[in-house]
Protein backbone atom coordinates (compact mmCIF):
# COMPACT_ATOMS: atom_id res chain seq x y z
CA MET A 1 13.55 -11.96 3.90
CA HIS A 2 12.94 -15.45 3.16
CA GLY A 3 9.34 -16.72 3.77
CA LEU A 4 7.81 -13.01 4.34
CA GLY A 5 5.19 -12.24 1.25
CA PRO A 6 4.42 -8.75 0.29
CA ALA A 7 1.79 -7.78 3.16
CA PHE A 8 4.59 -8.88 5.92
CA GLY A 9 7.35 -7.96 4.14
CA THR A 10 6.51 -4.37 3.67
CA LYS A 11 5.07 -3.88 7.03
CA PHE A 12 8.67 -5.18 8.25
CA LEU A 13 10.06 -2.62 5.77
CA PHE A 14 7.70 0.17 7.01
CA PHE A 15 8.56 -0.25 10.70
CA GLN A 16 12.24 -0.01 9.66
CA ASN A 17 12.16 2.91 7.66
CA ARG A 18 8.90 5.16 7.12
CA GLU A 19 9.78 5.88 3.31
CA ALA A 20 8.57 2.32 2.66
CA LEU A 21 4.81 1.71 2.72
CA ILE A 22 2.77 -1.29 3.33
CA LEU A 23 1.22 -2.93 0.49
CA ASP A 24 -1.01 -5.54 1.27
CA ASP A 25 -4.15 -7.19 -0.70
CA LEU A 26 -6.45 -4.60 0.29
CA LEU A 27 -4.32 -1.68 -1.04
CA ALA A 28 -3.36 -3.38 -4.08
CA THR A 29 -6.03 -5.01 -5.30
CA ARG A 30 -8.95 -3.26 -3.93
CA TRP A 31 -7.69 0.35 -3.98
CA PHE A 32 -4.60 0.92 -6.10
CA ARG A 33 -5.71 -1.02 -9.10
CA GLY A 34 -9.22 0.84 -8.97
CA VAL A 35 -7.64 3.91 -8.76
CA THR A 36 -4.64 3.61 -11.39
CA GLY A 37 -5.81 0.40 -13.23
CA VAL A 38 -2.21 -1.30 -12.32
CA ASN A 39 -2.31 -4.83 -11.03
CA LEU A 40 0.39 -4.90 -8.24
CA ARG A 41 -0.12 -8.75 -7.79
CA PRO A 42 0.22 -8.63 -3.88
CA THR A 43 0.91 -12.35 -3.48
CA VAL A 44 4.33 -12.38 -4.82
CA TRP A 45 7.49 -10.12 -4.27
CA ASN A 46 7.97 -8.01 -7.39
CA THR A 47 10.55 -4.78 -6.58
CA ASN A 48 9.42 -3.20 -10.07
CA LEU A 49 5.80 -3.25 -9.13
CA TYR A 50 6.35 -2.25 -5.15
CA GLU A 51 8.60 0.86 -6.67
CA THR A 52 5.37 1.68 -9.04
CA TYR A 53 3.31 1.73 -5.95
CA LEU A 54 5.77 3.94 -3.74
CA THR A 55 6.37 6.40 -6.69
CA ALA A 56 2.53 6.59 -7.16
CA MET A 57 1.90 7.02 -3.10
CA HIS A 58 4.65 9.46 -2.77
CA ASP A 59 3.77 11.83 -5.74
CA TRP A 60 0.34 11.96 -4.83
CA ALA A 61 1.42 12.66 -1.31
CA ALA A 62 3.57 15.91 -2.54
CA ASP A 63 0.92 16.99 -4.61
CA ALA A 64 -1.42 17.13 -1.47
CA ASN A 65 1.42 18.36 0.76
CA VAL A 66 1.07 15.34 3.22
CA GLU A 67 3.14 12.24 4.40
CA PRO A 68 2.89 9.35 2.10
CA ALA A 69 1.74 7.09 4.97
CA SER A 70 -1.21 9.46 5.18
CA ILE A 71 -2.50 8.46 1.59
CA GLU A 72 -1.76 4.88 2.47
CA GLN A 73 -3.72 5.09 5.82
CA ALA A 74 -6.64 6.78 4.15
CA ALA A 75 -6.56 4.71 1.35
CA PHE A 76 -6.52 1.51 3.90
CA GLN A 77 -9.51 2.76 6.09
CA LEU A 78 -11.38 3.65 2.94
CA VAL A 79 -11.43 0.13 1.74
CA SER A 80 -11.65 -1.59 5.20
CA ASP A 81 -14.97 0.79 5.99
CA GLY A 82 -16.16 -0.26 2.34
CA ARG A 83 -15.84 -4.00 2.95
CA GLY A 84 -16.58 -4.04 6.82
CA ASN A 85 -13.60 -5.92 7.98
CA GLN A 86 -12.23 -6.04 11.33
CA TRP A 87 -10.35 -2.66 10.72
CA ALA A 88 -13.36 -0.69 9.64
CA ARG A 89 -14.66 2.01 11.81
């Protein structure tokens, strides 16, 4: 959708299809890059990088026998708590 960046665009996709996962700056640069070393560049749309993210998250979820959204939510909370932002516990 024209005008939506990855953070809002992936939120829109997630609410349309739970197989899609949210990819924002916190997850892309603070968590995923730290875990994998892969820079997902969350400021521009890139379907190949989003697919890399989805594949990794779905693979890790399958290994842990949980839903991919659970991995995403846990990672987001971990980063939020560490940064003390408005979503921190």
